[in-house]
Amino acid sequence: MSIQELTVALAERSYPIRIGSKLLSDPECLRSAIAGRQVLLLSNATVAPLYAARVEAALEGLRYSTLLLADGERHKTIESASLIWQALAQLGAQRNATLIALGGGVIGDMGGFAAACW
């Protein structure tokens, strides 16, 4: 399995982006990117049935929850962001919590926005 890693260079806020066709089959690769002990897995009903179980297996031992948002651009709303914030609050998410966006554009956009605001 070939996994490529790129670094977004932001001085002390730098972070890696990992790319690979079988990335979800390597739990240690996923775990090594998680700094804190709380994790929110964000997905939707289209993608979660295909991949969420593999991600959740890699999160064993951490405090995590899974939140599914409705699918589609029309759900890119403050209400969806509020659902994410509520899930993070229920986790007791601290500043070093991890939000995993498992899905396409809406999931990535909403996860990034909610995490930045959190």
Protein backbone atom coordinates (compact mmCIF):
# COMPACT_ATOMS: atom_id res chain seq x y z
CA MET A 1 0.00 0.00 0.00
CA SER A 2 1.39 3.35 -0.97
CA ILE A 3 0.45 6.31 1.21
CA GLN A 4 1.68 9.75 0.28
CA GLU A 5 1.95 12.50 2.85
CA LEU A 6 1.94 16.21 2.12
CA THR A 7 2.52 18.85 4.78
CA VAL A 8 0.55 22.07 4.96
CA ALA A 9 3.31 24.36 6.21
CA LEU A 10 1.89 26.82 8.73
CA ALA A 11 4.81 27.14 11.17
CA GLU A 12 3.65 25.79 14.55
CA ARG A 13 0.21 24.99 13.09
CA SER A 14 1.51 22.74 10.30
CA TYR A 15 -0.36 19.52 9.64
CA PRO A 16 -0.12 16.48 7.35
CA ILE A 17 -2.50 15.39 4.62
CA ARG A 18 -2.32 11.68 3.85
CA ILE A 19 -3.44 10.30 0.50
CA GLY A 20 -3.74 6.63 -0.41
CA SER A 21 -6.13 4.17 -1.98
CA LYS A 22 -6.18 1.84 1.05
CA LEU A 23 -5.72 4.40 3.78
CA LEU A 24 -8.72 3.18 5.77
CA SER A 25 -7.21 -0.30 5.90
CA ASP A 26 -4.28 1.03 7.98
CA PRO A 27 -5.64 1.89 11.46
CA GLU A 28 -2.21 3.02 12.72
CA CYS A 29 -1.94 5.61 9.96
CA LEU A 30 -5.26 7.08 11.07
CA ARG A 31 -4.43 6.87 14.79
CA SER A 32 -1.09 8.63 14.33
CA ALA A 33 -2.94 11.72 13.04
CA ILE A 34 -5.11 12.01 16.15
CA ALA A 35 -3.66 14.26 18.84
CA GLY A 36 -6.36 14.28 21.50
CA ARG A 37 -8.61 11.64 23.00
CA GLN A 38 -11.94 12.87 21.63
CA VAL A 39 -12.90 12.21 18.02
CA LEU A 40 -16.01 13.07 16.06
CA LEU A 41 -16.55 11.06 12.89
CA LEU A 42 -18.70 13.14 10.55
CA SER A 43 -20.28 11.53 7.51
CA ASN A 44 -23.56 11.05 5.66
CA ALA A 45 -25.93 8.18 4.94
CA THR A 46 -24.36 7.61 1.51
CA VAL A 47 -20.72 7.24 2.58
CA ALA A 48 -20.97 5.96 6.16
CA PRO A 49 -22.34 2.49 5.29
CA LEU A 50 -19.36 1.96 2.99
CA TYR A 51 -16.48 3.13 5.20
CA ALA A 52 -17.46 4.19 8.73
CA ALA A 53 -16.99 0.77 10.36
CA ARG A 54 -13.31 0.70 9.33
CA VAL A 55 -12.72 4.16 10.74
CA GLU A 56 -14.58 3.35 13.96
CA ALA A 57 -12.47 0.19 14.40
CA ALA A 58 -9.34 2.35 14.27
CA LEU A 59 -10.77 4.60 17.00
CA GLU A 60 -11.08 1.81 19.59
CA GLY A 61 -9.93 3.08 22.98
CA LEU A 62 -10.66 6.72 22.23
CA ARG A 63 -13.76 8.67 23.15
CA TYR A 64 -15.57 9.06 19.85
CA SER A 65 -18.99 9.44 18.34
CA THR A 66 -20.36 9.37 14.82
CA LEU A 67 -22.67 12.04 13.40
CA LEU A 68 -24.43 11.62 10.07
CA LEU A 69 -25.59 14.75 8.27
CA ALA A 70 -28.16 14.81 5.50
CA ASP A 71 -26.66 14.50 2.03
CA GLY A 72 -26.58 17.37 -0.46
CA GLU A 73 -25.64 21.02 -0.88
CA ARG A 74 -28.95 22.26 0.52
CA HIS A 75 -27.84 20.92 3.92
CA LYS A 76 -24.79 23.18 4.05
CA THR A 77 -26.44 25.32 6.72
CA ILE A 78 -25.89 26.81 10.15
CA GLU A 79 -28.33 24.18 11.44
CA SER A 80 -25.97 21.44 10.26
CA ALA A 81 -23.04 23.24 11.89
CA SER A 82 -25.07 23.42 15.09
CA LEU A 83 -25.54 19.63 15.03
CA ILE A 84 -21.77 19.22 14.77
CA TRP A 85 -21.16 21.64 17.66
CA GLN A 86 -23.71 19.77 19.78
CA ALA A 87 -21.96 16.47 19.05
CA LEU A 88 -18.59 18.00 19.96
CA ALA A 89 -20.05 19.38 23.19
CA GLN A 90 -21.51 15.96 24.11
CA LEU A 91 -18.05 14.46 23.59
CA GLY A 92 -16.53 17.04 25.90
CA ALA A 93 -14.30 17.94 22.97
CA GLN A 94 -11.25 19.97 23.91
CA ARG A 95 -9.08 22.10 21.67
CA ASN A 96 -7.05 19.10 20.54
CA ALA A 97 -10.09 17.00 19.59
CA THR A 98 -10.14 15.54 16.09
CA LEU A 99 -12.97 15.83 13.60
CA ILE A 100 -12.80 13.26 10.81
CA ALA A 101 -14.80 14.28 7.73
CA LEU A 102 -15.64 11.04 5.92
CA GLY A 103 -17.39 12.06 2.73
CA GLY A 104 -17.43 14.55 -0.08
CA GLY A 105 -17.70 18.29 -0.42
CA VAL A 106 -20.57 19.09 1.96
CA ILE A 107 -19.12 16.90 4.72
CA GLY A 108 -15.64 18.36 4.27
CA ASP A 109 -16.93 21.92 4.13
CA MET A 110 -19.22 21.57 7.15
CA GLY A 111 -16.62 19.68 9.17
CA GLY A 112 -13.94 22.25 8.43
CA PHE A 113 -16.21 25.17 9.21
CA ALA A 114 -17.50 23.68 12.47
CA ALA A 115 -14.02 22.67 13.61
CA ALA A 116 -12.62 26.13 12.87
CA CYS A 117 -15.38 27.73 14.91
CA TRP A 118 -15.09 25.23 17.76
